[in-house]
Amino acid sequence: MSPILLEELADVFGRPKFRRNISSEQVEAFTADLALVTEVWPDSLELPGATEDPDDDFLVALAVSSRAAGIVSGDSHLTAPTNELPVAVFTPAQLLADLDASTDT
């Protein structure tokens, strides 16, 4: 997790399609709680051109700098990149399937 990612999460939850189901107070509480239970890394490293969408480059940089096992995203710039990314990317469905499979064994 990083400060930029926490901010982006709050912005996404602030969109009208989410506002019907979640209040601004709930968004604030959720992002604050998330910051407490995750490892927060600084937004210092940049990898310009890592993806086709410059707004997604920070996610790749964060994953690389934190040595994350991967990124979970539904964004096609990350799930179907035109160039090879230096980190694995899983869709939410793939992650859930992998977690489900790991509990079966």
PDB file of N, CA and C in Angstrom:
ATOM      1  N   MET A   1       0.855  -1.167   0.000  1.00  0.00           N
ATOM      2  CA  MET A   1       0.000   0.000   0.000  1.00  0.00           C
ATOM      3  C   MET A   1       0.900   1.228   0.000  1.00  0.00           C
ATOM      4  N   SER A   2       0.394   2.317  -0.540  1.00  0.00           N
ATOM      5  CA  SER A   2       1.134   3.574  -0.538  1.00  0.00           C
ATOM      6  C   SER A   2       0.156   4.728  -0.337  1.00  0.00           C
ATOM      7  N   PRO A   3       0.657   5.903   0.027  1.00  0.00           N
ATOM      8  CA  PRO A   3      -0.239   7.051   0.179  1.00  0.00           C
ATOM      9  C   PRO A   3      -1.041   7.353  -1.094  1.00  0.00           C
ATOM     10  N   ILE A   4      -0.385   7.256  -2.263  1.00  0.00           N
ATOM     11  CA  ILE A   4      -1.115   7.523  -3.517  1.00  0.00           C
ATOM     12  C   ILE A   4      -2.229   6.496  -3.711  1.00  0.00           C
ATOM     13  N   LEU A   5      -1.942   5.239  -3.415  1.00  0.00           N
ATOM     14  CA  LEU A   5      -2.940   4.189  -3.597  1.00  0.00           C
ATOM     15  C   LEU A   5      -4.112   4.368  -2.626  1.00  0.00           C
ATOM     16  N   LEU A   6      -3.819   4.744  -1.400  1.00  0.00           N
ATOM     17  CA  LEU A   6      -4.898   5.016  -0.439  1.00  0.00           C
ATOM     18  C   LEU A   6      -5.769   6.177  -0.912  1.00  0.00           C
ATOM     19  N   GLU A   7      -5.136   7.201  -1.442  1.00  0.00           N
ATOM     20  CA  GLU A   7      -5.879   8.358  -1.959  1.00  0.00           C
ATOM     21  C   GLU A   7      -6.732   7.964  -3.160  1.00  0.00           C
ATOM     22  N   GLU A   8      -6.167   7.159  -4.054  1.00  0.00           N
ATOM     23  CA  GLU A   8      -6.919   6.720  -5.222  1.00  0.00           C
ATOM     24  C   GLU A   8      -8.116   5.869  -4.813  1.00  0.00           C
ATOM     25  N   LEU A   9      -7.925   5.012  -3.826  1.00  0.00           N
ATOM     26  CA  LEU A   9      -9.019   4.187  -3.326  1.00  0.00           C
ATOM     27  C   LEU A   9     -10.154   5.053  -2.789  1.00  0.00           C
ATOM     28  N   ALA A  10      -9.815   6.062  -2.017  1.00  0.00           N
ATOM     29  CA  ALA A  10     -10.828   6.977  -1.489  1.00  0.00           C
ATOM     30  C   ALA A  10     -11.532   7.716  -2.622  1.00  0.00           C
ATOM     31  N   ASP A  11     -10.780   8.120  -3.655  1.00  0.00           N
ATOM     32  CA  ASP A  11     -11.383   8.800  -4.803  1.00  0.00           C
ATOM     33  C   ASP A  11     -12.356   7.892  -5.545  1.00  0.00           C
ATOM     34  N   VAL A  12     -11.969   6.637  -5.733  1.00  0.00           N
ATOM     35  CA  VAL A  12     -12.841   5.692  -6.442  1.00  0.00           C
ATOM     36  C   VAL A  12     -14.121   5.468  -5.647  1.00  0.00           C
ATOM     37  N   PHE A  13     -13.991   5.268  -4.337  1.00  0.00           N
ATOM     38  CA  PHE A  13     -15.179   5.076  -3.517  1.00  0.00           C
ATOM     39  C   PHE A  13     -16.052   6.332  -3.466  1.00  0.00           C
ATOM     40  N   GLY A  14     -15.500   7.469  -3.840  1.00  0.00           N
ATOM     41  CA  GLY A  14     -16.264   8.706  -3.875  1.00  0.00           C
ATOM     42  C   GLY A  14     -17.079   8.885  -5.146  1.00  0.00           C
ATOM     43  N   ARG A  15     -16.905   7.993  -6.102  1.00  0.00           N
ATOM     44  CA  ARG A  15     -17.649   8.083  -7.366  1.00  0.00           C
ATOM     45  C   ARG A  15     -19.126   7.783  -7.126  1.00  0.00           C
ATOM     46  N   PRO A  16     -19.983   8.391  -7.954  1.00  0.00           N
ATOM     47  CA  PRO A  16     -21.434   8.237  -7.752  1.00  0.00           C
ATOM     48  C   PRO A  16     -21.919   6.789  -7.642  1.00  0.00           C
ATOM     49  N   LYS A  17     -21.353   5.872  -8.433  1.00  0.00           N
ATOM     50  CA  LYS A  17     -21.853   4.489  -8.383  1.00  0.00           C
ATOM     51  C   LYS A  17     -21.577   3.820  -7.034  1.00  0.00           C
ATOM     52  N   PHE A  18     -20.573   4.326  -6.283  1.00  0.00           N
ATOM     53  CA  PHE A  18     -20.296   3.781  -4.961  1.00  0.00           C
ATOM     54  C   PHE A  18     -21.001   4.572  -3.872  1.00  0.00           C
ATOM     55  N   ARG A  19     -21.249   5.845  -4.119  1.00  0.00           N
ATOM     56  CA  ARG A  19     -21.861   6.711  -3.115  1.00  0.00           C
ATOM     57  C   ARG A  19     -23.240   6.236  -2.692  1.00  0.00           C
ATOM     58  N   ARG A  20     -23.893   5.449  -3.549  1.00  0.00           N
ATOM     59  CA  ARG A  20     -25.214   4.918  -3.192  1.00  0.00           C
ATOM     60  C   ARG A  20     -25.113   3.925  -2.039  1.00  0.00           C
ATOM     61  N   ASN A  21     -23.938   3.307  -1.911  1.00  0.00           N
ATOM     62  CA  ASN A  21     -23.788   2.219  -0.935  1.00  0.00           C
ATOM     63  C   ASN A  21     -22.823   2.496   0.206  1.00  0.00           C
ATOM     64  N   ILE A  22     -22.047   3.547   0.080  1.00  0.00           N
ATOM     65  CA  ILE A  22     -21.037   3.808   1.107  1.00  0.00           C
ATOM     66  C   ILE A  22     -20.924   5.318   1.347  1.00  0.00           C
ATOM     67  N   SER A  23     -20.905   5.696   2.596  1.00  0.00           N
ATOM     68  CA  SER A  23     -20.838   7.123   2.948  1.00  0.00           C
ATOM     69  C   SER A  23     -19.385   7.592   2.973  1.00  0.00           C
ATOM     70  N   SER A  24     -19.193   8.893   2.952  1.00  0.00           N
ATOM     71  CA  SER A  24     -17.832   9.429   3.011  1.00  0.00           C
ATOM     72  C   SER A  24     -17.175   9.070   4.348  1.00  0.00           C
ATOM     73  N   GLU A  25     -17.968   8.990   5.413  1.00  0.00           N
ATOM     74  CA  GLU A  25     -17.422   8.597   6.711  1.00  0.00           C
ATOM     75  C   GLU A  25     -16.934   7.143   6.677  1.00  0.00           C
ATOM     76  N   GLN A  26     -17.681   6.276   5.993  1.00  0.00           N
ATOM     77  CA  GLN A  26     -17.268   4.878   5.875  1.00  0.00           C
ATOM     78  C   GLN A  26     -15.994   4.752   5.037  1.00  0.00           C
ATOM     79  N   VAL A  27     -15.892   5.562   3.988  1.00  0.00           N
ATOM     80  CA  VAL A  27     -14.684   5.548   3.150  1.00  0.00           C
ATOM     81  C   VAL A  27     -13.480   5.977   3.980  1.00  0.00           C
ATOM     82  N   GLU A  28     -13.633   7.047   4.732  1.00  0.00           N
ATOM     83  CA  GLU A  28     -12.532   7.525   5.582  1.00  0.00           C
ATOM     84  C   GLU A  28     -12.118   6.463   6.598  1.00  0.00           C
ATOM     85  N   ALA A  29     -13.091   5.838   7.227  1.00  0.00           N
ATOM     86  CA  ALA A  29     -12.793   4.807   8.231  1.00  0.00           C
ATOM     87  C   ALA A  29     -12.115   3.602   7.576  1.00  0.00           C
ATOM     88  N   PHE A  30     -12.614   3.197   6.416  1.00  0.00           N
ATOM     89  CA  PHE A  30     -12.036   2.043   5.726  1.00  0.00           C
ATOM     90  C   PHE A  30     -10.591   2.308   5.318  1.00  0.00           C
ATOM     91  N   THR A  31     -10.327   3.459   4.707  1.00  0.00           N
ATOM     92  CA  THR A  31      -8.958   3.742   4.267  1.00  0.00           C
ATOM     93  C   THR A  31      -8.022   3.910   5.467  1.00  0.00           C
ATOM     94  N   ALA A  32      -8.514   4.491   6.557  1.00  0.00           N
ATOM     95  CA  ALA A  32      -7.687   4.621   7.764  1.00  0.00           C
ATOM     96  C   ALA A  32      -7.370   3.246   8.341  1.00  0.00           C
ATOM     97  N   ASP A  33      -8.379   2.375   8.397  1.00  0.00           N
ATOM     98  CA  ASP A  33      -8.156   1.016   8.902  1.00  0.00           C
ATOM     99  C   ASP A  33      -7.213   0.247   7.986  1.00  0.00           C
ATOM    100  N   LEU A  34      -7.378   0.412   6.688  1.00  0.00           N
ATOM    101  CA  LEU A  34      -6.509  -0.273   5.731  1.00  0.00           C
ATOM    102  C   LEU A  34      -5.054   0.152   5.919  1.00  0.00           C
ATOM    103  N   ALA A  35      -4.840   1.431   6.158  1.00  0.00           N
ATOM    104  CA  ALA A  35      -3.479   1.926   6.383  1.00  0.00           C
ATOM    105  C   ALA A  35      -2.864   1.320   7.646  1.00  0.00           C
ATOM    106  N   LEU A  36      -3.706   0.978   8.612  1.00  0.00           N
ATOM    107  CA  LEU A  36      -3.209   0.383   9.855  1.00  0.00           C
ATOM    108  C   LEU A  36      -2.843  -1.088   9.709  1.00  0.00           C
ATOM    109  N   VAL A  37      -3.522  -1.796   8.809  1.00  0.00           N
ATOM    110  CA  VAL A  37      -3.307  -3.245   8.703  1.00  0.00           C
ATOM    111  C   VAL A  37      -2.454  -3.651   7.501  1.00  0.00           C
ATOM    112  N   THR A  38      -1.999  -2.678   6.727  1.00  0.00           N
ATOM    113  CA  THR A  38      -1.125  -2.978   5.596  1.00  0.00           C
ATOM    114  C   THR A  38       0.220  -2.316   5.803  1.00  0.00           C
ATOM    115  N   GLU A  39       1.184  -2.759   5.059  1.00  0.00           N
ATOM    116  CA  GLU A  39       2.492  -2.118   5.099  1.00  0.00           C
ATOM    117  C   GLU A  39       2.458  -0.965   4.092  1.00  0.00           C
ATOM    118  N   VAL A  40       2.642   0.247   4.572  1.00  0.00           N
ATOM    119  CA  VAL A  40       2.589   1.423   3.709  1.00  0.00           C
ATOM    120  C   VAL A  40       4.005   1.799   3.295  1.00  0.00           C
ATOM    121  N   TRP A  41       4.221   1.853   1.978  1.00  0.00           N
ATOM    122  CA  TRP A  41       5.519   2.199   1.397  1.00  0.00           C
ATOM    123  C   TRP A  41       5.452   3.603   0.822  1.00  0.00           C
ATOM    124  N   PRO A  42       6.566   4.307   0.816  1.00  0.00           N
ATOM    125  CA  PRO A  42       6.570   5.660   0.243  1.00  0.00           C
ATOM    126  C   PRO A  42       6.342   5.625  -1.264  1.00  0.00           C
ATOM    127  N   ASP A  43       5.866   6.738  -1.792  1.00  0.00           N
ATOM    128  CA  ASP A  43       5.618   6.880  -3.229  1.00  0.00           C
ATOM    129  C   ASP A  43       6.840   7.452  -3.932  1.00  0.00           C
ATOM    130  N   SER A  44       8.015   6.960  -3.647  1.00  0.00           N
ATOM    131  CA  SER A  44       9.219   7.608  -4.163  1.00  0.00           C
ATOM    132  C   SER A  44       9.704   7.047  -5.494  1.00  0.00           C
ATOM    133  N   LEU A  45       9.626   5.755  -5.697  1.00  0.00           N
ATOM    134  CA  LEU A  45      10.154   5.143  -6.907  1.00  0.00           C
ATOM    135  C   LEU A  45       9.180   5.313  -8.066  1.00  0.00           C
ATOM    136  N   GLU A  46       9.702   5.654  -9.231  1.00  0.00           N
ATOM    137  CA  GLU A  46       8.866   5.768 -10.415  1.00  0.00           C
ATOM    138  C   GLU A  46       9.413   4.877 -11.506  1.00  0.00           C
ATOM    139  N   LEU A  47       8.537   4.324 -12.309  1.00  0.00           N
ATOM    140  CA  LEU A  47       8.911   3.537 -13.476  1.00  0.00           C
ATOM    141  C   LEU A  47       8.148   4.075 -14.682  1.00  0.00           C
ATOM    142  N   PRO A  48       8.541   5.239 -15.182  1.00  0.00           N
ATOM    143  CA  PRO A  48       7.817   5.806 -16.331  1.00  0.00           C
ATOM    144  C   PRO A  48       7.810   4.839 -17.500  1.00  0.00           C
ATOM    145  N   GLY A  49       6.653   4.684 -18.112  1.00  0.00           N
ATOM    146  CA  GLY A  49       6.520   3.810 -19.265  1.00  0.00           C
ATOM    147  C   GLY A  49       6.343   2.347 -18.927  1.00  0.00           C
ATOM    148  N   ALA A  50       6.172   2.024 -17.655  1.00  0.00           N
ATOM    149  CA  ALA A  50       5.989   0.623 -17.261  1.00  0.00           C
ATOM    150  C   ALA A  50       4.710   0.051 -17.860  1.00  0.00           C
ATOM    151  N   THR A  51       3.694   0.899 -18.004  1.00  0.00           N
ATOM    152  CA  THR A  51       2.417   0.479 -18.586  1.00  0.00           C
ATOM    153  C   THR A  51       2.007   1.479 -19.660  1.00  0.00           C
ATOM    154  N   GLU A  52       0.953   1.147 -20.365  1.00  0.00           N
ATOM    155  CA  GLU A  52       0.426   2.064 -21.378  1.00  0.00           C
ATOM    156  C   GLU A  52      -0.264   3.277 -20.749  1.00  0.00           C
ATOM    157  N   ASP A  53      -0.653   3.145 -19.496  1.00  0.00           N
ATOM    158  CA  ASP A  53      -1.335   4.227 -18.789  1.00  0.00           C
ATOM    159  C   ASP A  53      -0.392   4.795 -17.732  1.00  0.00           C
ATOM    160  N   PRO A  54       0.098   6.003 -17.949  1.00  0.00           N
ATOM    161  CA  PRO A  54       1.032   6.595 -16.979  1.00  0.00           C
ATOM    162  C   PRO A  54       0.487   6.624 -15.550  1.00  0.00           C
ATOM    163  N   ASP A  55      -0.838   6.664 -15.399  1.00  0.00           N
ATOM    164  CA  ASP A  55      -1.423   6.670 -14.060  1.00  0.00           C
ATOM    165  C   ASP A  55      -1.268   5.328 -13.346  1.00  0.00           C
ATOM    166  N   ASP A  56      -0.948   4.267 -14.097  1.00  0.00           N
ATOM    167  CA  ASP A  56      -0.762   2.947 -13.494  1.00  0.00           C
ATOM    168  C   ASP A  56       0.695   2.629 -13.191  1.00  0.00           C
ATOM    169  N   ASP A  57       1.616   3.436 -13.702  1.00  0.00           N
ATOM    170  CA  ASP A  57       3.043   3.163 -13.515  1.00  0.00           C
ATOM    171  C   ASP A  57       3.435   3.103 -12.043  1.00  0.00           C
ATOM    172  N   PHE A  58       2.799   3.922 -11.208  1.00  0.00           N
ATOM    173  CA  PHE A  58       3.161   3.926  -9.794  1.00  0.00           C
ATOM    174  C   PHE A  58       2.844   2.595  -9.128  1.00  0.00           C
ATOM    175  N   LEU A  59       1.798   1.889  -9.613  1.00  0.00           N
ATOM    176  CA  LEU A  59       1.463   0.584  -9.030  1.00  0.00           C
ATOM    177  C   LEU A  59       2.562  -0.438  -9.286  1.00  0.00           C
ATOM    178  N   VAL A  60       3.099  -0.418 -10.501  1.00  0.00           N
ATOM    179  CA  VAL A  60       4.185  -1.326 -10.837  1.00  0.00           C
ATOM    180  C   VAL A  60       5.419  -0.964 -10.006  1.00  0.00           C
ATOM    181  N   ALA A  61       5.701   0.327  -9.911  1.00  0.00           N
ATOM    182  CA  ALA A  61       6.849   0.780  -9.114  1.00  0.00           C
ATOM    183  C   ALA A  61       6.684   0.379  -7.653  1.00  0.00           C
ATOM    184  N   LEU A  62       5.488   0.525  -7.120  1.00  0.00           N
ATOM    185  CA  LEU A  62       5.218   0.142  -5.731  1.00  0.00           C
ATOM    186  C   LEU A  62       5.420  -1.359  -5.536  1.00  0.00           C
ATOM    187  N   ALA A  63       4.906  -2.157  -6.447  1.00  0.00           N
ATOM    188  CA  ALA A  63       5.053  -3.609  -6.339  1.00  0.00           C
ATOM    189  C   ALA A  63       6.519  -4.021  -6.400  1.00  0.00           C
ATOM    190  N   VAL A  64       7.272  -3.396  -7.296  1.00  0.00           N
ATOM    191  CA  VAL A  64       8.689  -3.725  -7.426  1.00  0.00           C
ATOM    192  C   VAL A  64       9.452  -3.303  -6.169  1.00  0.00           C
ATOM    193  N   SER A  65       9.248  -2.071  -5.723  1.00  0.00           N
ATOM    194  CA  SER A  65      10.010  -1.568  -4.573  1.00  0.00           C
ATOM    195  C   SER A  65       9.674  -2.304  -3.283  1.00  0.00           C
ATOM    196  N   SER A  66       8.446  -2.768  -3.161  1.00  0.00           N
ATOM    197  CA  SER A  66       8.041  -3.475  -1.947  1.00  0.00           C
ATOM    198  C   SER A  66       8.239  -4.989  -2.051  1.00  0.00           C
ATOM    199  N   ARG A  67       8.706  -5.422  -3.216  1.00  0.00           N
ATOM    200  CA  ARG A  67       8.910  -6.860  -3.482  1.00  0.00           C
ATOM    201  C   ARG A  67       7.616  -7.651  -3.288  1.00  0.00           C
ATOM    202  N   ALA A  68       6.522  -7.064  -3.770  1.00  0.00           N
ATOM    203  CA  ALA A  68       5.215  -7.714  -3.669  1.00  0.00           C
ATOM    204  C   ALA A  68       5.164  -8.946  -4.561  1.00  0.00           C
ATOM    205  N   ALA A  69       4.350  -9.893  -4.163  1.00  0.00           N
ATOM    206  CA  ALA A  69       4.171 -11.103  -4.975  1.00  0.00           C
ATOM    207  C   ALA A  69       3.417 -10.786  -6.258  1.00  0.00           C
ATOM    208  N   GLY A  70       2.671  -9.697  -6.255  1.00  0.00           N
ATOM    209  CA  GLY A  70       1.927  -9.314  -7.446  1.00  0.00           C
ATOM    210  C   GLY A  70       0.985  -8.165  -7.174  1.00  0.00           C
ATOM    211  N   ILE A  71       0.294  -7.780  -8.221  1.00  0.00           N
ATOM    212  CA  ILE A  71      -0.707  -6.713  -8.182  1.00  0.00           C
ATOM    213  C   ILE A  71      -2.057  -7.359  -8.447  1.00  0.00           C
ATOM    214  N   VAL A  72      -3.079  -6.952  -7.719  1.00  0.00           N
ATOM    215  CA  VAL A  72      -4.440  -7.408  -7.980  1.00  0.00           C
ATOM    216  C   VAL A  72      -5.179  -6.238  -8.606  1.00  0.00           C
ATOM    217  N   SER A  73      -5.656  -6.457  -9.847  1.00  0.00           N
ATOM    218  CA  SER A  73      -6.308  -5.374 -10.572  1.00  0.00           C
ATOM    219  C   SER A  73      -7.190  -5.940 -11.678  1.00  0.00           C
ATOM    220  N   GLY A  74      -8.205  -5.189 -12.011  1.00  0.00           N
ATOM    221  CA  GLY A  74      -9.043  -5.520 -13.165  1.00  0.00           C
ATOM    222  C   GLY A  74      -8.730  -4.630 -14.345  1.00  0.00           C
ATOM    223  N   ASP A  75      -7.762  -3.738 -14.195  1.00  0.00           N
ATOM    224  CA  ASP A  75      -7.384  -2.782 -15.226  1.00  0.00           C
ATOM    225  C   ASP A  75      -6.665  -3.492 -16.365  1.00  0.00           C
ATOM    226  N   SER A  76      -7.174  -3.347 -17.587  1.00  0.00           N
ATOM    227  CA  SER A  76      -6.593  -4.051 -18.734  1.00  0.00           C
ATOM    228  C   SER A  76      -5.165  -3.612 -19.040  1.00  0.00           C
ATOM    229  N   HIS A  77      -4.785  -2.394 -18.651  1.00  0.00           N
ATOM    230  CA  HIS A  77      -3.398  -1.973 -18.849  1.00  0.00           C
ATOM    231  C   HIS A  77      -2.439  -2.818 -18.017  1.00  0.00           C
ATOM    232  N   LEU A  78      -2.969  -3.410 -16.962  1.00  0.00           N
ATOM    233  CA  LEU A  78      -2.147  -4.261 -16.098  1.00  0.00           C
ATOM    234  C   LEU A  78      -2.381  -5.746 -16.362  1.00  0.00           C
ATOM    235  N   THR A  79      -3.631  -6.127 -16.637  1.00  0.00           N
ATOM    236  CA  THR A  79      -3.932  -7.548 -16.823  1.00  0.00           C
ATOM    237  C   THR A  79      -3.575  -8.054 -18.215  1.00  0.00           C
ATOM    238  N   ALA A  80      -3.529  -7.162 -19.195  1.00  0.00           N
ATOM    239  CA  ALA A  80      -3.181  -7.547 -20.573  1.00  0.00           C
ATOM    240  C   ALA A  80      -2.241  -6.502 -21.160  1.00  0.00           C
ATOM    241  N   PRO A  81      -1.071  -6.355 -20.566  1.00  0.00           N
ATOM    242  CA  PRO A  81      -0.150  -5.306 -21.025  1.00  0.00           C
ATOM    243  C   PRO A  81       0.448  -5.645 -22.393  1.00  0.00           C
ATOM    244  N   THR A  82       0.849  -4.610 -23.098  1.00  0.00           N
ATOM    245  CA  THR A  82       1.501  -4.837 -24.389  1.00  0.00           C
ATOM    246  C   THR A  82       2.973  -5.170 -24.211  1.00  0.00           C
ATOM    247  N   ASN A  83       3.536  -4.811 -23.073  1.00  0.00           N
ATOM    248  CA  ASN A  83       4.923  -5.173 -22.768  1.00  0.00           C
ATOM    249  C   ASN A  83       4.941  -5.976 -21.463  1.00  0.00           C
ATOM    250  N   GLU A  84       6.002  -6.726 -21.267  1.00  0.00           N
ATOM    251  CA  GLU A  84       6.103  -7.556 -20.069  1.00  0.00           C
ATOM    252  C   GLU A  84       6.347  -6.695 -18.836  1.00  0.00           C
ATOM    253  N   LEU A  85       5.578  -6.944 -17.812  1.00  0.00           N
ATOM    254  CA  LEU A  85       5.727  -6.203 -16.561  1.00  0.00           C
ATOM    255  C   LEU A  85       6.696  -6.947 -15.640  1.00  0.00           C
ATOM    256  N   PRO A  86       7.404  -6.216 -14.776  1.00  0.00           N
ATOM    257  CA  PRO A  86       8.363  -6.851 -13.871  1.00  0.00           C
ATOM    258  C   PRO A  86       7.719  -7.476 -12.630  1.00  0.00           C
ATOM    259  N   VAL A  87       6.408  -7.623 -12.651  1.00  0.00           N
ATOM    260  CA  VAL A  87       5.681  -8.170 -11.508  1.00  0.00           C
ATOM    261  C   VAL A  87       4.436  -8.894 -12.032  1.00  0.00           C
ATOM    262  N   ALA A  88       4.015  -9.931 -11.324  1.00  0.00           N
ATOM    263  CA  ALA A  88       2.808 -10.663 -11.705  1.00  0.00           C
ATOM    264  C   ALA A  88       1.577  -9.799 -11.460  1.00  0.00           C
ATOM    265  N   VAL A  89       0.556  -9.990 -12.289  1.00  0.00           N
ATOM    266  CA  VAL A  89      -0.716  -9.281 -12.120  1.00  0.00           C
ATOM    267  C   VAL A  89      -1.830 -10.322 -12.117  1.00  0.00           C
ATOM    268  N   PHE A  90      -2.703 -10.219 -11.133  1.00  0.00           N
ATOM    269  CA  PHE A  90      -3.821 -11.131 -10.976  1.00  0.00           C
ATOM    270  C   PHE A  90      -5.116 -10.330 -11.001  1.00  0.00           C
ATOM    271  N   THR A  91      -6.130 -10.852 -11.675  1.00  0.00           N
ATOM    272  CA  THR A  91      -7.444 -10.225 -11.568  1.00  0.00           C
ATOM    273  C   THR A  91      -8.019 -10.629 -10.207  1.00  0.00           C
ATOM    274  N   PRO A  92      -9.002  -9.898  -9.709  1.00  0.00           N
ATOM    275  CA  PRO A  92      -9.613 -10.317  -8.438  1.00  0.00           C
ATOM    276  C   PRO A  92     -10.130 -11.759  -8.502  1.00  0.00           C
ATOM    277  N   ALA A  93     -10.719 -12.143  -9.641  1.00  0.00           N
ATOM    278  CA  ALA A  93     -11.230 -13.508  -9.781  1.00  0.00           C
ATOM    279  C   ALA A  93     -10.096 -14.530  -9.714  1.00  0.00           C
ATOM    280  N   GLN A  94      -8.964 -14.230 -10.347  1.00  0.00           N
ATOM    281  CA  GLN A  94      -7.822 -15.141 -10.288  1.00  0.00           C
ATOM    282  C   GLN A  94      -7.306 -15.280  -8.858  1.00  0.00           C
ATOM    283  N   LEU A  95      -7.217 -14.173  -8.152  1.00  0.00           N
ATOM    284  CA  LEU A  95      -6.742 -14.219  -6.770  1.00  0.00           C
ATOM    285  C   LEU A  95      -7.677 -15.059  -5.912  1.00  0.00           C
ATOM    286  N   LEU A  96      -8.981 -14.832  -6.046  1.00  0.00           N
ATOM    287  CA  LEU A  96      -9.940 -15.612  -5.256  1.00  0.00           C
ATOM    288  C   LEU A  96      -9.861 -17.098  -5.597  1.00  0.00           C
ATOM    289  N   ALA A  97      -9.711 -17.419  -6.889  1.00  0.00           N
ATOM    290  CA  ALA A  97      -9.585 -18.824  -7.298  1.00  0.00           C
ATOM    291  C   ALA A  97      -8.318 -19.437  -6.712  1.00  0.00           C
ATOM    292  N   ASP A  98      -7.216 -18.689  -6.746  1.00  0.00           N
ATOM    293  CA  ASP A  98      -5.956 -19.191  -6.176  1.00  0.00           C
ATOM    294  C   ASP A  98      -6.081 -19.388  -4.670  1.00  0.00           C
ATOM    295  N   LEU A  99      -6.716 -18.440  -3.991  1.00  0.00           N
ATOM    296  CA  LEU A  99      -6.900 -18.576  -2.546  1.00  0.00           C
ATOM    297  C   LEU A  99      -7.799 -19.752  -2.226  1.00  0.00           C
ATOM    298  N   ASP A 100      -8.849 -19.925  -3.004  1.00  0.00           N
ATOM    299  CA  ASP A 100      -9.774 -21.044  -2.804  1.00  0.00           C
ATOM    300  C   ASP A 100      -9.051 -22.365  -3.026  1.00  0.00           C
ATOM    301  N   ALA A 101      -8.229 -22.433  -4.069  1.00  0.00           N
ATOM    302  CA  ALA A 101      -7.488 -23.654  -4.370  1.00  0.00           C
ATOM    303  C   ALA A 101      -6.491 -23.974  -3.263  1.00  0.00           C
ATOM    304  N   SER A 102      -5.885 -22.950  -2.702  1.00  0.00           N
ATOM    305  CA  SER A 102      -4.886 -23.189  -1.652  1.00  0.00           C
ATOM    306  C   SER A 102      -5.525 -23.668  -0.354  1.00  0.00           C
ATOM    307  N   THR A 103      -6.787 -23.383  -0.138  1.00  0.00           N
ATOM    308  CA  THR A 103      -7.461 -23.859   1.076  1.00  0.00           C
ATOM    309  C   THR A 103      -7.995 -25.269   0.895  1.00  0.00           C
ATOM    310  N   ASP A 104      -8.072 -25.736  -0.358  1.00  0.00           N
ATOM    311  CA  ASP A 104      -8.561 -27.096  -0.629  1.00  0.00           C
ATOM    312  C   ASP A 104      -7.496 -28.148  -0.382  1.00  0.00           C
ATOM    313  N   THR A 105      -6.242 -27.729  -0.341  1.00  0.00           N
ATOM    314  CA  THR A 105      -5.175 -28.727  -0.195  1.00  0.00           C
ATOM    315  C   THR A 105      -4.689 -28.836   1.218  1.00  0.00           C
TER     316      THR A 105
END
